Every structure is written in structure tokens, then in C-alpha cells.
Amino acid sequence: MRVVFMGTPSFSVPSLQHVAREHEVALVLTRPDAVRSRGKKLEPSPVKVAAQELEIPALEAKRMTPEVLEALRAADADIFCVAAYGCILPDEVLTMAPLGCVNVHASLLPRWRGAAPIQRSILAGDDETGVSIMRIGHGVDTGAYCAQASCPVAGKTADELTADLAELGGKLLAATLPAIADGSAQWVEQDETLVTHAAKIEKSEMLLAPTMVADDIVRRVLASSDAAPARCVVAGKTLRVLRALRADRAVAQGVVEIAAGAVYLGCAEGSIELIEVKPDGKRAMEAAAWAAGVRERTSSWEALS
């Protein structure tokens, strides 16, 4: 099968790799080089790097210009495959390939349509999530799907879950393409009564406070990212919490207890233990190392104002 692949971040890379092993990828479309880390240097997208390693022509585009449309037509693909490309595709693109345009979406649709399905599944305390191979239509993730695969959520950070789903989605996409080609794929329309929406994560959602229950705080820490970090003020110091666990220790709400190098925070219900933190302006460190510089063994913690 001849394929055009569209994708940009690391989530997209396994899909490109798995499809390229089984099918002919004629062209890769990805977002242009951008500042992707804390430096000021332009960096290629992970998909561009992967395409170069696979010796597949890669075209950078942030919108569908006449030149891009011509390149897509010239690729003469049977199907377009998309995984987190980051660009709205016009009708002309959706109908250009004979088999249409399919997408790897990181949820078990119709649950978690939208921009942040992975983080939302963590925040909601879902037991499992997964990937769906779906048709791209006019609405946000509203198209019918023909294949799904699931994996557990519990205890995984957003980065860990993203990596698991990326690999799962890549395998599923490659395995599903033959059924799409021969017409044996069974397309399922989404049940609108079961839809949940995965809105973009706002920084304010990740801020931690003593008024929250312990399990919710742990989930926020797991779902946090550089763009929306889990932060609070502990013993008068502003910290980003990188890892935390539900603790058995009884600690009063809003109280910090440091015992045997462990740092415990009392919540509205239960308590948590800080495992790894990053003080503002400093490197990430184990909570025990940070606690060594705190004089008071008992103090307080609060939300950022």
C-alpha cells in the first residue's frame, strides 16, 4: 500500500516506523523546525528526524498551501495516515486519496475527544485508556473508528503513558491498513451519549493545594508537564512536584512533616509523600535531598497565590 504520513511529535514516530515496515511511505508531512526545548535553537520535529533515518522524503508545512496540495497529489497515495500532525486538514485533503484519511487518536473513543486525551485519562482516574484508528471528518475526533486497543493507566506519568500509547497506536495502524484496503474493516459510529471531551490542560489545573484529596494530587503530579507543571509552596519554598505517592502516614491538612528524610504533606483527605521535586531556579532532586536544607521538621504548605 502506498501511504502519505502526517505527524509531528514523538507520539507520531512509532506510527511512521511501523507503517514504513509494512507499506510504502511515499511522503511524510510534518510541522516546520521550531524551538522545541529550553534553548533558542531551531530543532526538527521528531517525525522529520525519523523520516530522514528511514530515507523517506519529508515536507515541512504548517498549512495546506497550493504547493503542499500539489505535493500530496503527486505522491499518488492510496491512503493518508495522520498521527498528531497539528494542522487542520481541508476537505480537499480528506478526499484526495482513494481510501481517505485515517488518524491515530490516543483514547478509546468516544471517551476523550480533543486535545489532551492522555492527561485527561490520568486526571479522571481511568483504569484504562487506549488508541483508536478513526476516519478524520469535520468535527473534533467525531469520525467512525475501525480498530481499538487498550492499556492500563494507573501509576503512569503522562510521558510514560504517551510512550505506551504511541507504540500501541503504531502497531495497530500498520495492522489495520490491509483491512481498510480490502474493505473488510468494520467502521463503528461513535455513540454521542458516551462522549467526553479532553480540553487542553491549563496551568491553573495543575496547581496543588491542601484542600484537595491525596489521590487527586497524585494524579495531577502524574499528568503534569513542563507546559503545565504541578506546583505548590512547601515550608515557604515554591516547588515543582515531579513525583509523589499516596502515603499511609496521618498528617493534618496543610501540614508538612519531615521524618527520616521523607517529606509528607497533609491533604483534605489523606496525605502524600514527595519523592522528587524541583525548587524554582534549581535542578530536580530527590525530596530527601531537598528536605536536608529545611530547618523545621514540621511546617506548612499552601497553594501558589
Protein backbone atom coordinates (compact mmCIF):
# COMPACT_ATOMS: atom_id res chain seq x y z
CA MET A 1 0.00 0.00 0.00
CA ARG A 2 1.26 3.47 -0.87
CA VAL A 3 0.94 5.90 2.08
CA VAL A 4 1.36 9.58 2.87
CA PHE A 5 2.11 10.00 6.57
CA MET A 6 1.42 13.19 8.54
CA GLY A 7 2.75 13.70 12.06
CA THR A 8 4.99 15.88 14.20
CA PRO A 9 5.79 14.96 17.86
CA SER A 10 7.41 11.87 19.36
CA PHE A 11 3.97 10.27 19.75
CA SER A 12 3.80 10.05 15.94
CA VAL A 13 7.13 8.33 15.40
CA PRO A 14 6.17 4.70 16.15
CA SER A 15 3.23 5.02 13.76
CA LEU A 16 5.56 6.13 10.97
CA GLN A 17 8.07 3.39 11.78
CA HIS A 18 5.52 0.56 11.89
CA VAL A 19 3.76 1.70 8.72
CA ALA A 20 7.09 2.05 6.89
CA ARG A 21 7.99 -1.56 7.76
CA GLU A 22 4.82 -2.93 6.19
CA HIS A 23 3.95 -0.41 3.47
CA GLU A 24 5.49 2.09 1.08
CA VAL A 25 5.54 5.58 2.61
CA ALA A 26 5.83 7.91 -0.36
CA LEU A 27 5.91 11.19 1.56
CA VAL A 28 5.99 12.48 5.13
CA LEU A 29 4.33 15.76 6.04
CA THR A 30 5.38 17.38 9.32
CA ARG A 31 5.41 20.75 11.05
CA PRO A 32 8.41 23.05 10.37
CA ASP A 33 11.52 23.18 12.52
CA ALA A 34 10.81 25.04 15.75
CA VAL A 35 12.24 25.89 19.16
CA ARG A 36 11.25 22.68 20.95
CA SER A 37 13.37 22.82 24.12
CA ARG A 38 14.55 25.49 26.50
CA GLY A 39 17.25 26.69 24.13
CA LYS A 40 16.72 29.15 21.30
CA LYS A 41 17.93 26.84 18.55
CA LEU A 42 15.53 25.60 15.90
CA GLU A 43 15.10 21.82 16.02
CA PRO A 44 13.47 19.42 13.55
CA SER A 45 10.33 17.61 14.62
CA PRO A 46 10.80 14.02 15.86
CA VAL A 47 8.90 12.83 12.78
CA LYS A 48 11.26 14.71 10.43
CA VAL A 49 14.22 13.05 12.15
CA ALA A 50 12.58 9.63 11.84
CA ALA A 51 11.76 10.21 8.16
CA GLN A 52 15.37 11.12 7.44
CA GLU A 53 16.55 7.95 9.19
CA LEU A 54 14.11 5.94 7.07
CA GLU A 55 15.21 7.82 3.94
CA ILE A 56 11.65 8.98 3.22
CA PRO A 57 11.09 12.41 1.65
CA ALA A 58 9.78 14.87 4.26
CA LEU A 59 7.90 18.08 3.54
CA GLU A 60 7.53 20.73 6.25
CA ALA A 61 4.24 22.61 6.33
CA LYS A 62 2.08 24.36 8.91
CA ARG A 63 -0.80 24.90 6.48
CA MET A 64 -2.10 23.47 3.24
CA THR A 65 -0.68 25.80 0.61
CA PRO A 66 -1.13 25.15 -3.15
CA GLU A 67 2.43 23.80 -3.21
CA VAL A 68 1.70 21.33 -0.41
CA LEU A 69 -1.52 20.19 -2.08
CA GLU A 70 0.38 19.59 -5.31
CA ALA A 71 2.98 17.51 -3.45
CA LEU A 72 0.23 15.44 -1.87
CA ARG A 73 -1.39 14.80 -5.23
CA ALA A 74 1.97 13.91 -6.77
CA ALA A 75 2.57 11.30 -4.05
CA ASP A 76 -0.26 9.26 -5.60
CA ALA A 77 -1.02 7.58 -2.27
CA ASP A 78 -3.74 5.02 -1.58
CA ILE A 79 -4.35 6.47 1.89
CA PHE A 80 -3.27 9.32 4.15
CA CYS A 81 -2.32 8.36 7.73
CA VAL A 82 -2.24 11.00 10.46
CA ALA A 83 -0.85 10.89 14.00
CA ALA A 84 -0.75 14.20 15.87
CA TYR A 85 0.19 16.29 12.83
CA GLY A 86 -1.08 19.55 14.32
CA CYS A 87 -2.82 21.09 11.33
CA ILE A 88 -6.48 21.21 10.28
CA LEU A 89 -6.93 19.32 7.03
CA PRO A 90 -9.30 20.76 4.40
CA ASP A 91 -11.88 18.65 2.58
CA GLU A 92 -9.65 18.50 -0.48
CA VAL A 93 -7.02 16.62 1.53
CA LEU A 94 -9.51 14.36 3.31
CA THR A 95 -10.83 13.09 -0.02
CA MET A 96 -7.64 13.16 -2.09
CA ALA A 97 -6.54 9.55 -1.50
CA PRO A 98 -8.87 6.75 -2.68
CA LEU A 99 -9.03 5.19 0.80
CA GLY A 100 -9.39 8.53 2.55
CA CYS A 101 -7.62 9.81 5.64
CA VAL A 102 -7.28 7.93 8.94
CA ASN A 103 -5.99 9.13 12.28
CA VAL A 104 -4.36 7.52 15.32
CA HIS A 105 -6.20 9.02 18.31
CA ALA A 106 -4.90 8.44 21.85
CA SER A 107 -8.11 7.34 23.55
CA LEU A 108 -10.86 4.76 23.41
CA LEU A 109 -13.39 6.84 21.53
CA PRO A 110 -15.93 8.26 22.17
CA ARG A 111 -14.22 8.87 25.52
CA TRP A 112 -11.78 11.78 25.48
CA ARG A 113 -12.22 13.56 22.20
CA GLY A 114 -9.97 16.58 21.94
CA ALA A 115 -6.52 17.99 22.55
CA ALA A 116 -5.40 16.27 25.78
CA PRO A 117 -6.83 12.74 25.95
CA ILE A 118 -3.80 11.24 27.71
CA GLN A 119 -3.64 13.76 30.55
CA ARG A 120 -7.42 13.72 30.96
CA SER A 121 -7.48 9.96 31.37
CA ILE A 122 -4.90 10.26 34.17
CA LEU A 123 -6.70 13.13 35.90
CA ALA A 124 -10.01 11.27 35.77
CA GLY A 125 -8.51 8.19 37.38
CA ASP A 126 -9.39 5.95 34.43
CA ASP A 127 -8.33 2.33 34.86
CA GLU A 128 -7.56 2.01 31.18
CA THR A 129 -7.26 4.06 28.02
CA GLY A 130 -6.07 3.21 24.55
CA VAL A 131 -5.89 4.15 20.91
CA SER A 132 -8.45 4.33 18.11
CA ILE A 133 -7.94 4.20 14.34
CA MET A 134 -10.56 6.60 13.07
CA ARG A 135 -11.67 8.47 9.98
CA ILE A 136 -11.00 12.20 10.01
CA GLY A 137 -14.10 14.32 9.50
CA HIS A 138 -15.22 17.87 10.12
CA GLY A 139 -15.76 17.67 13.88
CA VAL A 140 -13.08 17.23 16.54
CA ASP A 141 -12.43 13.47 16.71
CA THR A 142 -16.02 12.70 15.70
CA GLY A 143 -15.31 10.20 12.91
CA ALA A 144 -16.11 6.50 12.92
CA TYR A 145 -13.40 4.11 14.13
CA CYS A 146 -12.49 0.65 12.86
CA ALA A 147 -9.96 -0.58 15.44
CA GLN A 148 -9.10 0.00 19.09
CA ALA A 149 -6.52 -1.32 21.54
CA SER A 150 -6.27 -0.62 25.28
CA CYS A 151 -3.64 -0.37 28.01
CA PRO A 152 -3.69 0.34 31.78
CA VAL A 153 -3.32 3.87 33.12
CA ALA A 154 -2.66 3.50 36.86
CA GLY A 155 0.65 4.85 38.15
CA LYS A 156 1.93 6.07 34.77
CA THR A 157 3.14 9.59 34.16
CA ALA A 158 1.88 11.45 31.11
CA ASP A 159 5.21 10.81 29.37
CA GLU A 160 5.13 7.09 30.17
CA LEU A 161 1.54 6.70 29.05
CA THR A 162 2.23 8.69 25.88
CA ALA A 163 5.10 6.36 25.01
CA ASP A 164 2.94 3.26 25.62
CA LEU A 165 0.09 4.61 23.51
CA ALA A 166 2.42 5.73 20.73
CA GLU A 167 3.79 2.21 20.33
CA LEU A 168 0.34 0.65 20.67
CA GLY A 169 -1.07 3.04 18.07
CA GLY A 170 1.74 2.42 15.61
CA LYS A 171 1.27 -1.34 15.72
CA LEU A 172 -2.50 -1.04 15.43
CA LEU A 173 -2.33 1.35 12.48
CA ALA A 174 0.02 -0.87 10.48
CA ALA A 175 -2.05 -3.96 11.26
CA THR A 176 -5.34 -2.26 10.32
CA LEU A 177 -4.36 -0.80 6.95
CA PRO A 178 -4.83 -4.06 4.98
CA ALA A 179 -8.42 -4.39 6.26
CA ILE A 180 -9.13 -0.79 5.23
CA ALA A 181 -7.67 -1.51 1.80
CA ASP A 182 -9.70 -4.67 1.13
CA GLY A 183 -12.91 -3.25 2.59
CA SER A 184 -13.17 -5.73 5.47
CA ALA A 185 -12.67 -3.09 8.19
CA GLN A 186 -15.79 -2.66 10.33
CA TRP A 187 -16.46 1.03 10.94
CA VAL A 188 -18.26 1.97 14.17
CA GLU A 189 -20.04 5.28 14.52
CA GLN A 190 -19.40 6.91 17.88
CA ASP A 191 -22.18 6.89 20.46
CA GLU A 192 -22.78 10.58 21.18
CA THR A 193 -24.28 9.77 24.59
CA LEU A 194 -20.91 8.43 25.75
CA VAL A 195 -18.74 11.34 24.58
CA THR A 196 -16.35 13.06 26.98
CA HIS A 197 -14.17 16.00 25.97
CA ALA A 198 -10.43 16.31 26.59
CA ALA A 199 -9.84 20.04 26.71
CA LYS A 200 -6.30 21.42 26.69
CA ILE A 201 -4.68 21.35 30.13
CA GLU A 202 -4.43 24.79 31.73
CA LYS A 203 -1.58 25.63 34.11
CA SER A 204 -4.07 26.52 36.83
CA GLU A 205 -5.44 22.96 36.83
CA MET A 206 -2.08 21.55 37.89
CA LEU A 207 -1.57 23.79 40.93
CA LEU A 208 -1.65 21.77 44.16
CA ALA A 209 -3.49 22.80 47.33
CA PRO A 210 -4.11 21.35 50.82
CA THR A 211 -7.86 21.49 50.13
CA MET A 212 -7.50 18.65 47.61
CA VAL A 213 -7.68 14.96 48.42
CA ALA A 214 -4.46 12.97 48.23
CA ASP A 215 -5.43 10.82 45.25
CA ASP A 216 -6.30 13.90 43.17
CA ILE A 217 -2.94 15.47 43.98
CA VAL A 218 -1.06 12.33 42.95
CA ARG A 219 -2.99 12.24 39.67
CA ARG A 220 -2.15 15.89 38.99
CA VAL A 221 1.52 15.16 39.53
CA LEU A 222 1.37 12.20 37.14
CA ALA A 223 -0.44 14.27 34.49
CA SER A 224 1.80 17.33 34.81
CA SER A 225 4.28 18.50 32.19
CA ASP A 226 6.76 21.29 31.50
CA ALA A 227 3.90 23.26 29.95
CA ALA A 228 1.60 22.73 32.95
CA PRO A 229 3.67 21.69 35.99
CA ALA A 230 2.36 20.55 39.39
CA ARG A 231 3.46 23.31 41.79
CA CYS A 232 2.88 24.45 45.36
CA VAL A 233 4.61 26.20 48.27
CA VAL A 234 6.18 23.87 50.86
CA ALA A 235 7.79 25.26 54.00
CA GLY A 236 7.83 28.66 52.34
CA LYS A 237 9.60 27.38 49.21
CA THR A 238 7.99 27.17 45.78
CA LEU A 239 8.42 23.71 44.32
CA ARG A 240 7.50 21.78 41.24
CA VAL A 241 6.49 18.28 42.33
CA LEU A 242 7.86 15.74 39.86
CA ARG A 243 6.95 12.54 41.70
CA ALA A 244 4.64 11.86 44.64
CA LEU A 245 2.86 8.88 46.20
CA ARG A 246 -0.18 8.38 48.40
CA ALA A 247 1.15 7.93 51.97
CA ASP A 248 -0.15 5.89 54.92
CA ARG A 249 1.04 8.48 57.44
CA ALA A 250 -1.63 10.56 59.19
CA VAL A 251 -0.78 14.24 58.64
CA ALA A 252 -3.11 17.16 59.36
CA GLN A 253 -4.40 19.15 56.39
CA GLY A 254 -1.93 21.82 55.32
CA VAL A 255 0.88 20.45 57.49
CA VAL A 256 4.34 19.36 56.32
CA GLU A 257 6.17 16.67 58.27
CA ILE A 258 9.77 15.67 57.58
CA ALA A 259 10.71 12.35 59.14
CA ALA A 260 13.71 10.11 58.35
CA GLY A 261 14.33 12.09 55.18
CA ALA A 262 10.77 11.64 53.88
CA VAL A 263 8.53 14.65 53.20
CA TYR A 264 4.81 14.26 53.91
CA LEU A 265 2.04 16.71 53.05
CA GLY A 266 -1.34 16.62 54.74
CA CYS A 267 -4.33 16.92 52.40
CA ALA A 268 -8.08 17.37 52.81
CA GLU A 269 -8.31 13.61 52.78
CA GLY A 270 -5.18 11.50 53.33
CA SER A 271 -1.58 12.53 52.81
CA ILE A 272 1.12 12.30 50.15
CA GLU A 273 4.86 11.72 50.21
CA LEU A 274 7.02 13.84 47.95
CA ILE A 275 9.54 11.70 46.05
CA GLU A 276 11.17 14.14 43.63
CA VAL A 277 10.95 17.92 43.46
CA LYS A 278 12.38 20.86 41.57
CA PRO A 279 12.75 24.10 43.54
CA ASP A 280 12.35 27.26 41.47
CA GLY A 281 15.64 28.13 39.81
CA LYS A 282 17.33 24.86 40.78
CA ARG A 283 17.77 21.37 39.40
CA ALA A 284 15.46 18.45 40.04
CA MET A 285 16.36 16.48 43.16
CA GLU A 286 15.13 13.74 45.46
CA ALA A 287 12.78 15.10 48.10
CA ALA A 288 15.11 13.76 50.82
CA ALA A 289 17.97 15.90 49.47
CA TRP A 290 15.73 18.97 49.41
CA ALA A 291 14.50 18.26 52.94
CA ALA A 292 18.06 18.25 54.25
CA GLY A 293 18.11 22.01 53.73
CA VAL A 294 14.85 22.65 55.62
CA ARG A 295 15.28 23.60 59.29
CA GLU A 296 11.82 22.96 60.63
CA ARG A 297 10.75 19.31 60.80
CA THR A 298 7.11 20.44 60.96
CA SER A 299 5.81 23.37 58.94
CA SER A 300 3.02 24.14 56.47
CA TRP A 301 2.28 24.04 52.78
CA GLU A 302 -0.10 26.00 50.59
CA ALA A 303 -1.23 26.70 47.06
CA LEU A 304 0.53 29.25 44.92
CA SER A 305 -1.18 32.61 45.23
